[in-house]
Amino acid sequence: MRPRLVLALRQYDRHMLAADVGAGVTVGLVALPLAMAFAIASGLTPQAGLYCAVVTGLIVSALGGSRTQIAGPTGAFVVVVAGIVQKHGVDGLFTCTMMAGVLLVAMGATGMGSAVRFIPRPVVVGFTNGIAILIARSQLTDFFGLHPSISVPATLVAVGGLAIIIVVNRFLPRVPGSILALVTMTIVATLWRLPIETIGTRFGGIPSGLPAIAIPSLRLSLMPPLIAPAVTVAMLGAIESLMSAMVADKLSGDRHNSNMELIAQGVANIASPLVGGLPATGAIARTATNIRSGARSPVAGIVHSLTLLVILLVAAPLASAIPLAVLAAILMVVAWNMGEWSEIPELLRLTKTDISVWIATFALTVFADLTVAVEVGMVLAALLFIKRVADTTTVSAVTDEYVKEGHIHSLQHVEIPEYVRVFRIHGPFLFGATEKLHAVTHRIESLPPIVILRLRNMTALDATGLRAIQDLADRLHASGRELILCGAKHQPSTLMARADFHRHVGDANICPNIRAAVARAVELREAMAA
């Protein structure tokens, strides 16, 4: 239970510092417009987002369990925060955020960080899709300048900003497109004196200087009705931060400490209201930007916070001229990117039960309430889990054919070459069990060139388990290794065929039994040597 910063500093040098400073400044510039946009979309002032990014980014980088995680306000909270502010006011939001922070600390301290993986993929994708649509819908007013009719200048600024972001992200991926769009369209709107709404006209600008620290008005009467929203905020924070940490692990080859990460996220959310900030969590896009910019340690996240703080101290008055239309365009891009739309075709290839869980979570998120959506999605997923585990229990007679088939799959008389490593999955491989693949991935560079995954005793597979095997195949291929699967039973085999799993390993690398898999490994070895 040690922060990754403590471990990283033991072997820190000036080369790592240079890399971290460059990455931190880059991701700080990327976070600037997003922090303001998320705060405005949540019904708060833009400085609330900046204060949140500074404080929570610093705390999570200093105390967290991930080497490259960047924390701050994110799109996942926009809908639920806006609802809390509308119903309970800003004091209610601060109370709810601190309650959620306490829950996150408790989850991490009691070792529940690993429990978040028990949320199945269809539930996560369902409410992510729904949140993306709700964010985009909430930005239509500012995007088109609807007060109440469409404003042509505002629409042109929004479309111009959107075009800049799309072009820059497509052709200059290392350039922060959101910052370029914000600066360009602010200059255009100012020089042409366009009659559009800005941060200055709506909020009176952003005060320069350090945020004032004040204990929020924590009224006990507010706490009972805020229990459910606080649980939602805590769960969203846990899910988003650990998903972001897992993305960071894949990109950097690291392995985060989930419990330490939750404790840091909890402390950050307890501290954020003290400066008037919103809830925060790990930000997947900013974390990926951090890694791609060369971050080597949590120092990059600290530099990201200091960059935002310097901007607050030096350039805050300039923010008054920023058009709200360009911030709306930035959030439209955020909504598109966070929607995970590419997951939908994958889900539609799966079983009807997986699809029904996704549809229910998605529909309830859009048309009902995010808290209800997650609760119903989890109940459906639990029932699905029980059904699939029950389906793995069979009673059948032992026949001569059964005994003969067992010999084909037996390892006892199969010689495994030294360039092959065999792993097996035993039991149902459903959501909650996917972490077990760490036995394969924790030292992937030490594996031989060919890995066989024996599925003879894998009794059931779901969307989350299938995604984990797909990720394993992609990671092995990225390291120059081959993955062969063998012996899958009827249900896993049918699901993999329906999902076109062969795209990840190739038809020839899906074998009926271990003997065929070893023979295929010999062919691959000969091809490698040729």
Foldseek 3Di string as FASTA:
>chain_A
DFAQQVVAVVPDDVVLVVLLLQLLLLLLLLQQLVLQLLQVLLVHHSVQSLLLQLLLLQLLLRQHFFFQWGKGDALLCSVLSSVQCVPPNLLLQLLLLLLLLVVLLVCLVVVVLLVLLLQAPLLVLQLLLQSLVVLLVSLPCQQQVPPPDGDPLSVVLLVQLLVQLVVCCVPPVLHSSLSVSQVVSLVVCVVVVDPAAASCNPPVFAAADDFAFDDRDNDPVSPPVSPLSSVVLNSSQSNQQVVLSVLLCLLPVDHGDRSSSSNSLSVSSSRSVRRSHGRMHTDNVSSVSSVVSRNDGSSSSNSSSVSSNVCRNPPRRVRRSGRSNSSSSVSNVSSVVSSPVVCVVLQVLFDPLSVVLNVQLNCCSNPNNNSVSSVVSVVSSVVVVVVQLVVLDDDDDDDPVNVVVVVQADPPPDDADPLEAEAEDAEAQERSNLVVCCVCSVCVVPHHQEYEYEYQRHRAYDPRSLVSVLSVLVSSVVSNHAYAYEQHDDHVVSRCVSSVVCVSHHPQRYYHHDNSNRVVVVVVVVVVVD
